[in-house]
């Protein structure tokens, strides 16, 4: 395809893809702070019991099960001069920024009171809703840029690169930011953390909006198919019923993502309570950032010789090997240098895994149209947001069940040996088990490769040629 070759060489086109990727930085600042540090904030700063989050998170997911696909359908039916994705990115990020800042800021409510629980619950649900408003249209834009699988991989790699930057900023700088932005009163250590969380969340919120404006300003929606069917939950279930590969994707991605999120969520507890210094997490995360950067080259280097299926399997194996090394070097040997180096191996696999998942979803959108004749981009990508939240629900259930069983107490620094062992197991042992199960599901059930993949691509290209001919 000459047009595709030209697109790849076009500086303007590449610049738009970079602009698109910048939007992911802000999204992951909010995403990372919420999912990696909210539990630490609630248990160690607001002193909320683990049982509260163990109840709140599954209840919030019930609403997400309704809200996420509904938002996907709303985006699919949006038709404005800006397109159908970009308006929602602006609206969603602006509202999410406000909620993020409020989530990590106590407006003066007494700790332990009923109103504090109500406030946290409302902000928790509102964060999920506003994140959905931005996240679904953002990732749904990928198929609108191009039909070429190779170029989609490039776009997804760019977006995931910037997504990794956002996550890196959170994991590397948050431990230091909480101290630097705190009150500095050594007699009020908890107030240091509270002020640090609040000020850091506000900074992230401002950056979230700023990066979204850049993203919306430079991107263009080229291949946009509008959906004029009326909304109904029946149609949402129809998408799931007719697109078997979407269901398979949700299962294996949910499992592998839950494993990774477990390490992200429990990591701050491991370095704070087991290693005795939370700032060590910054060094750990920096090594992980190196691995994530290297992981972005896995697909471009391997896709010329190997299928996407083989590449994805390779990524999951790297994750499992990396975790095996981390178990040995961390909880067993307590060698931080070797632990950090092992983290590079796991991060290479994780980064390339996430890029692969984004490309797979774009392919699954095409597959759904191939099977049914209807194109449901945003509804399909809404399932990505929902599965991520479900993965975090799995993380929360496992994490706080472990905390409850082990007797973790956020009000004290020195935990019992059983609690420390539980934290280590949750951080390094449970995740690779989930990734291995994900590997088995993917290898056995995912069929969108080889001949079937070629048929889907031919169908989509024929549809575009027909559309272009009709518009000429």
Protein backbone atom coordinates (compact mmCIF):
# COMPACT_ATOMS: atom_id res chain seq x y z
CA UNK A 1 0.00 0.00 0.00
CA UNK A 2 1.69 3.16 -1.21
CA UNK A 3 -0.35 5.40 1.02
CA UNK A 4 0.79 3.48 4.06
CA UNK A 5 4.41 3.69 3.04
CA UNK A 6 4.02 7.41 2.54
CA UNK A 7 2.35 7.74 5.90
CA UNK A 8 5.21 6.04 7.63
CA UNK A 9 7.67 8.44 6.06
CA UNK A 10 5.58 11.57 6.67
CA UNK A 11 7.03 13.76 9.45
CA UNK A 12 3.62 15.38 9.94
CA UNK A 13 1.93 12.01 10.37
CA UNK A 14 4.62 10.83 12.79
CA UNK A 15 4.27 14.10 14.71
CA UNK A 16 0.56 13.46 15.14
CA UNK A 17 1.31 10.00 16.47
CA UNK A 18 3.74 11.52 18.98
CA UNK A 19 1.03 14.00 19.98
CA UNK A 20 -1.36 11.11 20.42
CA UNK A 21 1.15 9.32 22.64
CA UNK A 22 1.61 12.39 24.84
CA UNK A 23 -2.01 12.04 25.91
CA UNK A 24 -1.16 8.67 27.46
CA UNK A 25 1.32 10.31 29.85
CA UNK A 26 -1.44 12.21 31.62
CA UNK A 27 -3.83 9.28 31.66
CA UNK A 28 -1.22 7.10 33.32
CA UNK A 29 -0.30 9.75 35.86
CA UNK A 30 -3.87 9.56 37.10
CA UNK A 31 -4.13 5.81 36.57
CA UNK A 32 -0.84 5.01 38.28
CA UNK A 33 -1.39 7.27 41.29
CA UNK A 34 -4.90 5.93 41.84
CA UNK A 35 -4.17 2.23 41.48
CA UNK A 36 -0.61 2.04 42.82
CA UNK A 37 -0.85 4.42 45.79
CA UNK A 38 -4.49 4.88 46.77
CA UNK A 39 -4.46 1.78 48.97
CA UNK A 40 -1.33 3.06 50.76
CA UNK A 41 -2.99 6.46 51.25
CA UNK A 42 -6.19 4.96 52.64
CA UNK A 43 -4.61 2.36 54.95
CA UNK A 44 -1.58 4.31 56.20
CA UNK A 45 -2.74 7.95 56.06
CA UNK A 46 -6.51 7.84 56.56
CA UNK A 47 -6.13 4.62 58.62
CA UNK A 48 -9.04 2.88 56.93
CA UNK A 49 -9.37 -0.88 57.45
CA UNK A 50 -8.57 -3.23 54.59
CA UNK A 51 -12.09 -4.64 54.82
CA UNK A 52 -13.54 -1.33 53.60
CA UNK A 53 -11.70 -1.49 50.26
CA UNK A 54 -12.40 -5.20 50.05
CA UNK A 55 -16.11 -4.29 50.01
CA UNK A 56 -15.93 -1.01 48.07
CA UNK A 57 -13.96 -2.24 45.07
CA UNK A 58 -16.27 -5.09 43.95
CA UNK A 59 -19.32 -2.85 44.44
CA UNK A 60 -17.73 -0.16 42.27
CA UNK A 61 -17.06 -2.77 39.59
CA UNK A 62 -20.78 -3.58 39.41
CA UNK A 63 -21.42 0.01 38.35
CA UNK A 64 -18.43 -0.08 35.98
CA UNK A 65 -19.98 -3.12 34.33
CA UNK A 66 -22.86 -0.84 33.35
CA UNK A 67 -21.01 2.44 32.90
CA UNK A 68 -18.02 1.33 30.80
CA UNK A 69 -19.88 -0.30 27.89
CA UNK A 70 -22.52 2.43 28.05
CA UNK A 71 -19.79 5.03 27.62
CA UNK A 72 -18.41 3.05 24.71
CA UNK A 73 -21.77 3.17 22.97
CA UNK A 74 -22.09 6.91 23.68
CA UNK A 75 -18.70 7.52 22.04
CA UNK A 76 -19.68 5.34 19.08
CA UNK A 77 -22.75 7.55 18.56
CA UNK A 78 -20.91 10.87 18.98
CA UNK A 79 -20.67 13.02 15.86
CA UNK A 80 -19.04 16.48 16.15
CA UNK A 81 -16.77 18.72 14.10
CA UNK A 82 -13.88 17.47 16.23
CA UNK A 83 -14.79 13.85 15.54
CA UNK A 84 -16.22 11.31 17.94
CA UNK A 85 -13.20 10.65 20.16
CA UNK A 86 -11.43 13.93 20.87
CA UNK A 87 -14.31 15.81 22.57
CA UNK A 88 -14.66 13.05 25.15
CA UNK A 89 -10.91 12.98 25.79
CA UNK A 90 -11.05 16.65 26.77
CA UNK A 91 -14.20 16.32 28.87
CA UNK A 92 -13.07 13.12 30.56
CA UNK A 93 -9.57 14.27 31.48
CA UNK A 94 -10.82 17.60 32.85
CA UNK A 95 -13.34 15.92 35.15
CA UNK A 96 -10.92 13.13 36.09
CA UNK A 97 -8.30 15.71 37.08
CA UNK A 98 -10.73 17.35 39.50
CA UNK A 99 -11.71 14.03 41.06
CA UNK A 100 -8.09 12.86 41.32
CA UNK A 101 -7.12 15.96 43.30
CA UNK A 102 -10.15 15.59 45.58
CA UNK A 103 -9.55 11.85 46.08
CA UNK A 104 -6.16 12.47 47.69
CA UNK A 105 -7.22 15.56 49.65
CA UNK A 106 -9.09 15.46 52.95
CA UNK A 107 -11.48 18.46 52.90
CA UNK A 108 -11.53 18.52 56.69
CA UNK A 109 -13.61 15.45 57.48
CA UNK A 110 -12.76 13.72 60.75
CA UNK A 111 -10.86 10.46 60.25
CA UNK A 112 -12.87 7.39 61.16
CA UNK A 113 -16.21 9.15 60.77
CA UNK A 114 -19.01 7.81 58.58
CA UNK A 115 -18.69 10.86 56.34
CA UNK A 116 -15.06 10.03 55.60
CA UNK A 117 -16.12 6.61 54.33
CA UNK A 118 -18.90 8.20 52.26
CA UNK A 119 -16.50 10.77 50.82
CA UNK A 120 -13.93 8.14 49.82
CA UNK A 121 -16.60 5.88 48.32
CA UNK A 122 -18.08 8.69 46.22
CA UNK A 123 -14.68 9.86 44.99
CA UNK A 124 -13.67 6.26 44.23
CA UNK A 125 -16.70 5.70 42.01
CA UNK A 126 -16.43 9.15 40.42
CA UNK A 127 -12.79 8.55 39.54
CA UNK A 128 -13.75 5.36 37.73
CA UNK A 129 -16.53 7.12 35.81
CA UNK A 130 -14.43 10.08 34.72
CA UNK A 131 -11.46 7.88 33.84
CA UNK A 132 -13.77 5.85 31.61
CA UNK A 133 -14.88 9.03 29.83
CA UNK A 134 -11.27 9.71 28.79
CA UNK A 135 -9.72 6.25 28.54
CA UNK A 136 -12.26 4.63 26.21
CA UNK A 137 -12.16 7.27 23.46
CA UNK A 138 -8.38 7.59 23.76
CA UNK A 139 -7.57 3.95 23.05
CA UNK A 140 -10.50 3.62 20.62
CA UNK A 141 -8.75 6.09 18.31
CA UNK A 142 -6.08 3.59 17.24
CA UNK A 143 -8.13 1.94 14.44
CA UNK A 144 -9.20 5.38 13.18
CA UNK A 145 -5.61 6.28 12.24
CA UNK A 146 -4.89 3.41 9.83
CA UNK A 147 -5.91 -0.10 8.76
CA UNK A 148 -2.32 -1.29 8.26
CA UNK A 149 -1.33 -3.80 11.00
CA UNK A 150 2.32 -2.72 10.93
CA UNK A 151 1.48 0.94 11.34
CA UNK A 152 -1.01 0.13 14.08
CA UNK A 153 1.83 -1.61 15.91
CA UNK A 154 3.95 1.53 15.56
CA UNK A 155 1.14 3.75 16.87
CA UNK A 156 0.44 1.40 19.77
CA UNK A 157 4.16 1.24 20.57
CA UNK A 158 4.36 5.03 20.63
CA UNK A 159 1.30 5.28 22.87
CA UNK A 160 2.60 2.59 25.21
CA UNK A 161 6.00 4.30 25.31
CA UNK A 162 4.40 7.47 26.63
CA UNK A 163 2.10 5.43 28.84
CA UNK A 164 5.22 3.88 30.36
CA UNK A 165 6.65 7.36 30.89
CA UNK A 166 3.54 8.29 32.85
CA UNK A 167 3.78 5.16 34.95
CA UNK A 168 7.51 5.72 35.39
CA UNK A 169 6.94 9.24 36.70
CA UNK A 170 4.53 7.86 39.28
CA UNK A 171 6.59 4.89 40.44
CA UNK A 172 9.97 6.64 40.41
CA UNK A 173 9.08 10.07 41.77
CA UNK A 174 6.08 9.50 44.06
CA UNK A 175 8.11 8.20 47.06
CA UNK A 176 10.29 11.32 46.92
CA UNK A 177 7.38 13.66 46.09
CA UNK A 178 5.47 12.58 49.18
CA UNK A 179 8.39 13.73 51.32
CA UNK A 180 9.44 16.82 49.36
CA UNK A 181 5.88 18.13 49.06
CA UNK A 182 4.97 17.30 52.66
CA UNK A 183 4.82 19.64 55.62
CA UNK A 184 8.36 18.85 56.77
CA UNK A 185 7.16 18.52 60.38
CA UNK A 186 8.99 15.52 61.80
CA UNK A 187 6.51 15.36 64.71
CA UNK A 188 3.61 14.94 62.31
CA UNK A 189 4.85 12.28 59.93
CA UNK A 190 1.33 11.35 58.87
CA UNK A 191 0.59 14.97 57.98
CA UNK A 192 3.72 14.95 55.81
CA UNK A 193 2.28 12.04 53.86
CA UNK A 194 -1.18 13.60 53.71
CA UNK A 195 0.07 16.94 52.39
CA UNK A 196 2.48 15.20 50.06
CA UNK A 197 -0.28 13.06 48.58
CA UNK A 198 -2.57 16.06 48.13
CA UNK A 199 -0.01 18.33 46.48
CA UNK A 200 1.36 15.56 44.27
CA UNK A 201 -2.16 14.64 43.14
CA UNK A 202 -2.86 18.27 42.22
CA UNK A 203 0.34 18.43 40.15
CA UNK A 204 -0.60 15.21 38.35
CA UNK A 205 -4.11 16.56 37.73
CA UNK A 206 -2.77 19.71 36.07
CA UNK A 207 -0.42 17.67 33.88
CA UNK A 208 -3.28 15.33 32.94
CA UNK A 209 -5.28 18.18 31.43
CA UNK A 210 -2.25 19.79 29.79
CA UNK A 211 -1.22 16.59 28.00
CA UNK A 212 -4.82 15.93 26.92
CA UNK A 213 -5.01 19.36 25.27
CA UNK A 214 -1.80 18.61 23.34
CA UNK A 215 -3.16 15.22 22.26
CA UNK A 216 -6.48 16.60 21.04
CA UNK A 217 -4.83 19.54 19.28
CA UNK A 218 -2.50 17.51 17.05
CA UNK A 219 -4.41 14.28 16.28
CA UNK A 220 -6.75 13.66 13.36
CA UNK A 221 -9.40 10.95 13.03
CA UNK A 222 -9.06 9.52 9.51
CA UNK A 223 -10.94 6.20 9.32
CA UNK A 224 -14.07 6.92 11.36
CA UNK A 225 -17.18 4.75 11.09
CA UNK A 226 -20.20 6.26 12.84
CA UNK A 227 -22.75 4.02 14.53
CA UNK A 228 -26.33 5.24 14.12
CA UNK A 229 -28.03 2.40 16.00
CA UNK A 230 -29.89 3.35 19.18
CA UNK A 231 -28.30 2.47 22.50
CA UNK A 232 -29.40 -0.64 24.36
CA UNK A 233 -27.70 -3.01 26.76
CA UNK A 234 -28.92 -5.80 24.53
CA UNK A 235 -26.56 -4.56 21.81
CA UNK A 236 -23.67 -4.52 24.27
CA UNK A 237 -24.28 -8.14 25.16
CA UNK A 238 -24.66 -8.84 21.45
CA UNK A 239 -21.12 -7.55 20.86
CA UNK A 240 -19.82 -9.93 23.49
CA UNK A 241 -21.91 -12.83 22.22
CA UNK A 242 -20.87 -12.48 18.58
CA UNK A 243 -17.20 -11.61 19.16
CA UNK A 244 -15.79 -14.71 20.83
CA UNK A 245 -12.22 -13.41 20.57
CA UNK A 246 -13.14 -10.34 22.60
CA UNK A 247 -14.30 -12.58 25.45
CA UNK A 248 -11.12 -14.67 25.22
CA UNK A 249 -9.03 -11.50 25.19
CA UNK A 250 -10.76 -10.18 28.30
CA UNK A 251 -10.04 -13.39 30.22
CA UNK A 252 -6.32 -13.77 29.45
CA UNK A 253 -5.60 -10.03 29.63
CA UNK A 254 -7.45 -9.72 32.93
CA UNK A 255 -5.35 -12.48 34.48
CA UNK A 256 -1.95 -11.23 33.31
CA UNK A 257 -2.78 -7.61 34.10
CA UNK A 258 -3.98 -8.56 37.59
CA UNK A 259 -0.61 -10.17 38.25
CA UNK A 260 1.26 -7.06 37.21
CA UNK A 261 -1.07 -4.73 39.11
CA UNK A 262 -0.57 -6.82 42.23
CA UNK A 263 3.15 -6.05 42.16
CA UNK A 264 2.43 -2.37 41.52
CA UNK A 265 -0.09 -2.16 44.35
CA UNK A 266 1.80 -4.14 46.99
CA UNK A 267 5.23 -2.84 45.95
CA UNK A 268 5.06 0.24 48.17
CA UNK A 269 4.23 -1.99 51.15
CA UNK A 270 7.13 -4.33 50.32
CA UNK A 271 9.75 -1.59 50.20
CA UNK A 272 8.30 0.32 53.15
CA UNK A 273 7.57 -2.55 55.52
CA UNK A 274 9.85 -5.41 54.39
CA UNK A 275 12.92 -3.61 53.03
CA UNK A 276 12.43 -0.74 55.48
CA UNK A 277 12.80 2.16 53.04
CA UNK A 278 10.07 3.16 50.60
CA UNK A 279 12.49 5.28 48.55
CA UNK A 280 14.14 2.03 47.41
CA UNK A 281 11.04 1.62 45.28
CA UNK A 282 12.20 4.57 43.19
CA UNK A 283 15.41 2.75 42.23
CA UNK A 284 13.43 -0.43 41.60
CA UNK A 285 11.03 1.49 39.36
CA UNK A 286 13.90 3.16 37.50
CA UNK A 287 15.28 -0.26 36.55
CA UNK A 288 11.76 -1.24 35.53
CA UNK A 289 11.56 1.83 33.31
CA UNK A 290 14.71 0.66 31.51
CA UNK A 291 13.08 -2.71 30.95
CA UNK A 292 9.86 -1.09 29.74
CA UNK A 293 11.81 0.99 27.24
CA UNK A 294 13.64 -2.07 25.93
CA UNK A 295 10.35 -3.96 25.77
CA UNK A 296 8.98 -1.50 23.24
CA UNK A 297 11.49 -2.81 20.69
CA UNK A 298 10.38 -6.44 21.03
CA UNK A 299 7.49 -6.20 18.57
CA UNK A 300 9.28 -4.14 15.87
CA UNK A 301 12.28 -6.49 16.00
CA UNK A 302 10.31 -9.74 16.07
CA UNK A 303 7.27 -9.03 13.88
CA UNK A 304 9.26 -9.48 10.64
CA UNK A 305 9.98 -13.13 11.48
CA UNK A 306 7.34 -14.19 14.00
CA UNK A 307 3.57 -14.02 14.29
CA UNK A 308 1.92 -11.79 16.86
CA UNK A 309 0.81 -14.94 18.69
CA UNK A 310 4.39 -16.18 19.07
CA UNK A 311 5.58 -12.73 20.14
CA UNK A 312 2.89 -12.49 22.81
CA UNK A 313 3.77 -15.93 24.16
CA UNK A 314 7.43 -14.90 24.28
CA UNK A 315 6.48 -11.78 26.26
CA UNK A 316 4.57 -13.78 28.87
CA UNK A 317 7.45 -16.24 29.25
CA UNK A 318 9.83 -13.32 29.88
CA UNK A 319 7.50 -12.03 32.59
CA UNK A 320 7.42 -15.42 34.31
CA UNK A 321 11.22 -15.81 34.12
CA UNK A 322 11.68 -12.28 35.48
CA UNK A 323 9.44 -13.02 38.45
CA UNK A 324 11.26 -16.28 39.17
CA UNK A 325 14.50 -14.31 39.39
CA UNK A 326 12.89 -11.64 41.57
CA UNK A 327 11.61 -14.25 44.03
CA UNK A 328 15.17 -15.52 44.46
CA UNK A 329 16.89 -12.14 44.60
CA UNK A 330 14.30 -10.27 46.68
CA UNK A 331 12.51 -12.20 49.45
CA UNK A 332 15.14 -14.97 49.57
CA UNK A 333 18.51 -13.22 49.15
CA UNK A 334 17.43 -9.61 49.85
CA UNK A 335 19.95 -8.42 47.26
CA UNK A 336 18.57 -5.13 45.92
CA UNK A 337 20.93 -4.90 42.95
CA UNK A 338 20.03 -8.37 41.68
CA UNK A 339 16.35 -7.73 42.41
CA UNK A 340 16.46 -4.55 40.34
CA UNK A 341 18.25 -6.29 37.46
CA UNK A 342 15.70 -9.11 37.54
CA UNK A 343 12.94 -6.51 37.34
CA UNK A 344 14.33 -5.40 33.98
CA UNK A 345 13.62 -8.87 32.56
CA UNK A 346 10.01 -8.86 33.79
CA UNK A 347 9.46 -5.28 32.61
CA UNK A 348 10.63 -6.08 29.07
CA UNK A 349 7.92 -8.72 28.88
CA UNK A 350 5.26 -6.55 30.50
CA UNK A 351 5.84 -3.55 28.23
CA UNK A 352 5.67 -5.60 25.05
CA UNK A 353 2.66 -7.46 26.46
CA UNK A 354 0.71 -4.22 26.84
CA UNK A 355 1.61 -3.06 23.33
CA UNK A 356 0.47 -6.40 21.97
CA UNK A 357 -2.84 -6.12 23.82
CA UNK A 358 -3.58 -2.72 22.29
CA UNK A 359 -2.89 -4.01 18.78
CA UNK A 360 -4.95 -7.13 19.46
CA UNK A 361 -7.96 -5.02 20.42
CA UNK A 362 -7.72 -3.10 17.15
CA UNK A 363 -7.68 -6.45 15.34
CA UNK A 364 -10.62 -7.66 17.42
CA UNK A 365 -12.64 -4.60 16.34
CA UNK A 366 -12.02 -5.59 12.72
CA UNK A 367 -12.87 -9.21 13.50
CA UNK A 368 -16.19 -8.17 15.02
CA UNK A 369 -17.08 -6.23 11.88
CA UNK A 370 -15.96 -9.17 9.75
CA UNK A 371 -18.32 -11.51 11.61
CA UNK A 372 -21.36 -9.27 12.04
CA UNK A 373 -21.07 -6.43 9.53
CA UNK A 374 -21.26 -3.92 12.39
CA UNK A 375 -18.28 -1.93 13.65
CA UNK A 376 -18.27 -1.24 17.40
CA UNK A 377 -14.88 0.33 18.13
CA UNK A 378 -15.62 2.20 21.33
CA UNK A 379 -17.86 -0.52 22.73
CA UNK A 380 -15.07 -3.04 22.15
CA UNK A 381 -12.39 -0.78 23.63
CA UNK A 382 -14.72 -0.12 26.57
CA UNK A 383 -14.18 -3.76 27.44
CA UNK A 384 -10.46 -2.97 27.76
CA UNK A 385 -11.15 -0.35 30.40
CA UNK A 386 -13.55 -2.66 32.18
CA UNK A 387 -11.15 -5.61 32.14
CA UNK A 388 -8.41 -3.37 33.57
CA UNK A 389 -10.71 -2.38 36.41
CA UNK A 390 -11.65 -6.01 36.92
CA UNK A 391 -7.95 -6.86 37.01
CA UNK A 392 -7.52 -4.27 39.74
CA UNK A 393 -10.51 -5.76 41.52
CA UNK A 394 -8.74 -9.13 41.51
CA UNK A 395 -5.65 -7.32 42.79
CA UNK A 396 -7.61 -5.65 45.58
CA UNK A 397 -9.37 -8.82 46.68
CA UNK A 398 -6.13 -10.81 46.79
CA UNK A 399 -4.14 -7.98 48.39
CA UNK A 400 -6.54 -7.01 51.17
CA UNK A 401 -7.54 -10.61 51.85
CA UNK A 402 -3.84 -11.27 52.42
CA UNK A 403 -3.52 -8.19 54.60
CA UNK A 404 -6.53 -9.24 56.66
CA UNK A 405 -5.29 -12.79 57.15
CA UNK A 406 -1.75 -11.67 58.04
CA UNK A 407 -2.89 -8.96 60.45
CA UNK A 408 -1.28 -6.03 58.61
CA UNK A 409 -1.58 -2.81 60.66
CA UNK A 410 -1.08 0.47 58.78
CA UNK A 411 -0.68 2.34 62.07
CA UNK A 412 2.70 0.75 62.82
CA UNK A 413 5.93 0.61 60.83
CA UNK A 414 7.23 -2.76 62.06
CA UNK A 415 4.95 -5.57 60.88
CA UNK A 416 4.89 -9.15 62.15
CA UNK A 417 7.08 -11.70 60.32
CA UNK A 418 3.91 -13.35 58.98
CA UNK A 419 2.68 -10.02 57.58
CA UNK A 420 6.07 -9.36 55.95
CA UNK A 421 6.09 -12.84 54.38
CA UNK A 422 2.55 -12.29 53.10
CA UNK A 423 3.56 -8.99 51.53
CA UNK A 424 6.52 -10.68 49.81
CA UNK A 425 4.33 -13.49 48.47
CA UNK A 426 1.73 -11.04 47.18
CA UNK A 427 4.42 -8.97 45.45
CA UNK A 428 6.50 -11.67 43.78
CA UNK A 429 4.87 -15.14 44.00
CA UNK A 430 1.17 -14.74 43.18
CA UNK A 431 1.71 -12.55 40.05
CA UNK A 432 3.63 -15.13 37.94
CA UNK A 433 1.00 -17.75 38.79
CA UNK A 434 -1.68 -15.48 37.29
CA UNK A 435 0.52 -14.77 34.25
CA UNK A 436 1.06 -18.50 33.69
CA UNK A 437 -2.69 -19.17 33.73
CA UNK A 438 -3.10 -16.30 31.27
CA UNK A 439 -0.49 -17.92 29.01
CA UNK A 440 -2.46 -21.17 28.96
CA UNK A 441 -5.76 -19.43 28.13
CA UNK A 442 -4.18 -17.38 25.35
CA UNK A 443 -2.36 -20.32 23.78
CA UNK A 444 -5.46 -22.51 23.75
CA UNK A 445 -8.29 -20.09 22.95
CA UNK A 446 -6.99 -17.08 20.97
CA UNK A 447 -7.50 -17.78 17.25
CA UNK A 448 -7.05 -14.40 15.56
CA UNK A 449 -3.80 -15.10 13.71
CA UNK A 450 -2.64 -16.75 10.48
CA UNK A 451 -5.28 -17.39 7.82
CA UNK A 452 -8.16 -15.95 9.84
CA UNK A 453 -6.23 -12.74 10.46
CA UNK A 454 -5.52 -12.38 6.72
CA UNK A 455 -9.21 -12.83 5.89
CA UNK A 456 -10.18 -10.11 8.35
CA UNK A 457 -7.57 -7.70 6.96
CA UNK A 458 -8.72 -8.33 3.38
CA UNK A 459 -12.32 -7.67 4.41
CA UNK A 460 -11.48 -4.35 6.09
CA UNK A 461 -9.35 -3.15 3.17
CA UNK A 462 -12.15 -4.02 0.73
CA UNK A 463 -14.62 -2.07 2.86
CA UNK A 464 -12.37 0.98 2.92
CA UNK A 465 -11.83 0.87 -0.84
CA UNK A 466 -15.60 0.73 -1.33
CA UNK A 467 -16.09 3.65 1.08
CA UNK A 468 -13.38 5.73 -0.60
CA UNK A 469 -14.88 4.98 -4.02
CA UNK A 470 -18.33 6.04 -2.89
CA UNK A 471 -16.96 9.30 -1.51
CA UNK A 472 -14.97 10.13 -4.64
